[in-house]
Amino acid sequence: MGLIRKELHPAEINRLADSLRALAHPARLMILAKIAESPTCICIDLSREIGLAQATVSGHLKALKEIGIIRGSVAKNSMCYCIDQEQLAALRQNILQMLDGLAKRESLNCE
């Protein structure tokens, strides 16, 4: 795919697209699942848990933090990650609004 010309699209569409791009990676979905399994912030070695190099996991965590879906804080000598429930709820709402809007539109018979 080529260059994304964000200036052509409304800011809310760009934010949603950025979030969906960040979530469209299986490793990131696994990381979120591992974080969600824990009732508290997770401080384990995610790289060991999902079988990826630590640098790779760090890159994925950075992408998830950039869209605001997770938060990280320092706990003793390690990072503690948890899902930002407010951001998750907002993202869920935005996705549902987009899909509901698409579902309500009548489409031409494209056979």
C-alpha atoms as a PDB file:
ATOM      1  CA  MET A   1       0.000   0.000   0.000  1.00  0.00           C
ATOM      2  CA  GLY A   2       1.214   3.487  -0.732  1.00  0.00           C
ATOM      3  CA  LEU A   3       1.477   6.737   1.099  1.00  0.00           C
ATOM      4  CA  ILE A   4      -1.408   7.604   3.417  1.00  0.00           C
ATOM      5  CA  ARG A   5      -2.593  11.133   2.755  1.00  0.00           C
ATOM      6  CA  LYS A   6      -4.074  11.894   6.150  1.00  0.00           C
ATOM      7  CA  GLU A   7      -4.836  15.481   5.234  1.00  0.00           C
ATOM      8  CA  LEU A   8      -7.623  14.195   2.959  1.00  0.00           C
ATOM      9  CA  HIS A   9      -9.535  12.620   5.844  1.00  0.00           C
ATOM     10  CA  PRO A  10     -11.231  13.891   9.000  1.00  0.00           C
ATOM     11  CA  ALA A  11      -9.164  13.618  12.192  1.00  0.00           C
ATOM     12  CA  GLU A  12     -11.540  11.082  13.775  1.00  0.00           C
ATOM     13  CA  ILE A  13     -11.231   8.788  10.738  1.00  0.00           C
ATOM     14  CA  ASN A  14      -7.419   9.044  10.893  1.00  0.00           C
ATOM     15  CA  ARG A  15      -7.423   8.222  14.625  1.00  0.00           C
ATOM     16  CA  LEU A  16      -9.677   5.218  14.084  1.00  0.00           C
ATOM     17  CA  ALA A  17      -7.534   3.997  11.186  1.00  0.00           C
ATOM     18  CA  ASP A  18      -4.365   4.369  13.285  1.00  0.00           C
ATOM     19  CA  SER A  19      -5.967   2.361  16.088  1.00  0.00           C
ATOM     20  CA  LEU A  20      -7.164  -0.369  13.747  1.00  0.00           C
ATOM     21  CA  ARG A  21      -3.706  -0.578  12.119  1.00  0.00           C
ATOM     22  CA  ALA A  22      -2.119  -0.968  15.557  1.00  0.00           C
ATOM     23  CA  LEU A  23      -4.579  -3.717  16.474  1.00  0.00           C
ATOM     24  CA  ALA A  24      -4.223  -5.535  13.147  1.00  0.00           C
ATOM     25  CA  HIS A  25      -1.169  -7.519  14.217  1.00  0.00           C
ATOM     26  CA  PRO A  26      -1.486 -10.968  15.803  1.00  0.00           C
ATOM     27  CA  ALA A  27       1.372 -10.363  18.254  1.00  0.00           C
ATOM     28  CA  ARG A  28      -0.292  -7.199  19.525  1.00  0.00           C
ATOM     29  CA  LEU A  29      -3.565  -9.022  19.990  1.00  0.00           C
ATOM     30  CA  MET A  30      -1.700 -11.732  21.943  1.00  0.00           C
ATOM     31  CA  ILE A  31      -0.023  -9.087  24.097  1.00  0.00           C
ATOM     32  CA  LEU A  32      -3.414  -7.517  24.843  1.00  0.00           C
ATOM     33  CA  ALA A  33      -4.849 -10.930  25.681  1.00  0.00           C
ATOM     34  CA  LYS A  34      -1.983 -11.637  28.103  1.00  0.00           C
ATOM     35  CA  ILE A  35      -2.399  -8.250  29.754  1.00  0.00           C
ATOM     36  CA  ALA A  36      -6.184  -8.734  29.982  1.00  0.00           C
ATOM     37  CA  GLU A  37      -5.739 -12.145  31.665  1.00  0.00           C
ATOM     38  CA  SER A  38      -4.231 -10.453  34.686  1.00  0.00           C
ATOM     39  CA  PRO A  39      -6.584  -8.802  37.201  1.00  0.00           C
ATOM     40  CA  THR A  40      -3.826  -6.270  37.957  1.00  0.00           C
ATOM     41  CA  CYS A  41      -1.052  -4.674  35.947  1.00  0.00           C
ATOM     42  CA  ILE A  42       1.144  -7.294  34.354  1.00  0.00           C
ATOM     43  CA  CYS A  43       4.880  -7.165  35.053  1.00  0.00           C
ATOM     44  CA  ILE A  44       5.906 -10.516  33.580  1.00  0.00           C
ATOM     45  CA  ASP A  45       8.287 -11.073  30.715  1.00  0.00           C
ATOM     46  CA  LEU A  46       5.857 -10.880  27.800  1.00  0.00           C
ATOM     47  CA  SER A  47       8.554 -11.948  25.363  1.00  0.00           C
ATOM     48  CA  ARG A  48       8.842 -15.301  27.134  1.00  0.00           C
ATOM     49  CA  GLU A  49       5.061 -15.664  27.304  1.00  0.00           C
ATOM     50  CA  ILE A  50       4.424 -15.130  23.592  1.00  0.00           C
ATOM     51  CA  GLY A  51       7.728 -16.367  22.195  1.00  0.00           C
ATOM     52  CA  LEU A  52       9.047 -13.179  20.608  1.00  0.00           C
ATOM     53  CA  ALA A  53      12.271 -11.276  21.144  1.00  0.00           C
ATOM     54  CA  GLN A  54      12.159  -8.641  23.877  1.00  0.00           C
ATOM     55  CA  ALA A  55      12.929  -5.858  21.382  1.00  0.00           C
ATOM     56  CA  THR A  56      10.033  -7.003  19.190  1.00  0.00           C
ATOM     57  CA  VAL A  57       7.647  -7.038  22.146  1.00  0.00           C
ATOM     58  CA  SER A  58       8.863  -3.578  23.163  1.00  0.00           C
ATOM     59  CA  GLY A  59       8.031  -2.278  19.701  1.00  0.00           C
ATOM     60  CA  HIS A  60       4.554  -3.767  19.875  1.00  0.00           C
ATOM     61  CA  LEU A  61       3.994  -2.330  23.349  1.00  0.00           C
ATOM     62  CA  LYS A  62       5.057   1.078  22.056  1.00  0.00           C
ATOM     63  CA  ALA A  63       2.506   0.873  19.224  1.00  0.00           C
ATOM     64  CA  LEU A  64      -0.246  -0.059  21.694  1.00  0.00           C
ATOM     65  CA  LYS A  65       0.750   2.749  24.040  1.00  0.00           C
ATOM     66  CA  GLU A  66       0.726   5.255  21.163  1.00  0.00           C
ATOM     67  CA  ILE A  67      -2.953   4.577  20.489  1.00  0.00           C
ATOM     68  CA  GLY A  68      -3.642   4.755  24.224  1.00  0.00           C
ATOM     69  CA  ILE A  69      -5.034   1.244  24.602  1.00  0.00           C
ATOM     70  CA  ILE A  70      -2.465   0.334  27.271  1.00  0.00           C
ATOM     71  CA  ARG A  71      -0.651   2.277  29.959  1.00  0.00           C
ATOM     72  CA  GLY A  72       2.760   1.542  31.335  1.00  0.00           C
ATOM     73  CA  SER A  73       4.267   2.547  34.639  1.00  0.00           C
ATOM     74  CA  VAL A  74       7.432   1.690  36.501  1.00  0.00           C
ATOM     75  CA  ALA A  75       7.008  -0.855  39.292  1.00  0.00           C
ATOM     76  CA  LYS A  76      10.276  -1.407  41.143  1.00  0.00           C
ATOM     77  CA  ASN A  77      12.767  -2.304  38.391  1.00  0.00           C
ATOM     78  CA  SER A  78      10.296  -3.313  35.686  1.00  0.00           C
ATOM     79  CA  MET A  79       7.445  -1.890  33.643  1.00  0.00           C
ATOM     80  CA  CYS A  80       3.901  -2.625  34.621  1.00  0.00           C
ATOM     81  CA  TYR A  81       1.275  -2.677  31.836  1.00  0.00           C
ATOM     82  CA  CYS A  82      -2.487  -2.575  31.996  1.00  0.00           C
ATOM     83  CA  ILE A  83      -5.319  -1.916  29.590  1.00  0.00           C
ATOM     84  CA  ASP A  84      -6.700   1.612  29.743  1.00  0.00           C
ATOM     85  CA  GLN A  85     -10.370   0.781  30.158  1.00  0.00           C
ATOM     86  CA  GLU A  86     -11.562   4.286  29.231  1.00  0.00           C
ATOM     87  CA  GLN A  87      -9.574   4.272  25.997  1.00  0.00           C
ATOM     88  CA  LEU A  88     -10.743   0.735  25.228  1.00  0.00           C
ATOM     89  CA  ALA A  89     -14.377   1.772  25.725  1.00  0.00           C
ATOM     90  CA  ALA A  90     -13.909   4.839  23.508  1.00  0.00           C
ATOM     91  CA  LEU A  91     -12.250   2.780  20.764  1.00  0.00           C
ATOM     92  CA  ARG A  92     -15.004   0.172  20.976  1.00  0.00           C
ATOM     93  CA  GLN A  93     -17.642   2.885  20.665  1.00  0.00           C
ATOM     94  CA  ASN A  94     -15.905   4.447  17.651  1.00  0.00           C
ATOM     95  CA  ILE A  95     -15.644   1.088  15.882  1.00  0.00           C
ATOM     96  CA  LEU A  96     -19.285   0.269  16.591  1.00  0.00           C
ATOM     97  CA  GLN A  97     -20.428   3.679  15.345  1.00  0.00           C
ATOM     98  CA  MET A  98     -18.486   3.212  12.131  1.00  0.00           C
ATOM     99  CA  LEU A  99     -19.836  -0.298  11.564  1.00  0.00           C
ATOM    100  CA  ASP A 100     -23.384   0.721  12.456  1.00  0.00           C
ATOM    101  CA  GLY A 101     -23.151   3.594   9.986  1.00  0.00           C
ATOM    102  CA  LEU A 102     -22.003   1.231   7.267  1.00  0.00           C
ATOM    103  CA  ALA A 103     -24.692  -1.336   8.071  1.00  0.00           C
ATOM    104  CA  LYS A 104     -27.486   1.262   7.882  1.00  0.00           C
ATOM    105  CA  ARG A 105     -26.555   2.431   4.406  1.00  0.00           C
ATOM    106  CA  GLU A 106     -28.332   0.806   1.539  1.00  0.00           C
ATOM    107  CA  SER A 107     -25.872  -0.550  -0.925  1.00  0.00           C
ATOM    108  CA  LEU A 108     -26.333  -1.206  -4.576  1.00  0.00           C
ATOM    109  CA  ASN A 109     -26.812  -4.763  -5.666  1.00  0.00           C
ATOM    110  CA  CYS A 110     -23.208  -5.623  -6.540  1.00  0.00           C
ATOM    111  CA  GLU A 111     -23.512  -9.002  -8.158  1.00  0.00           C
END
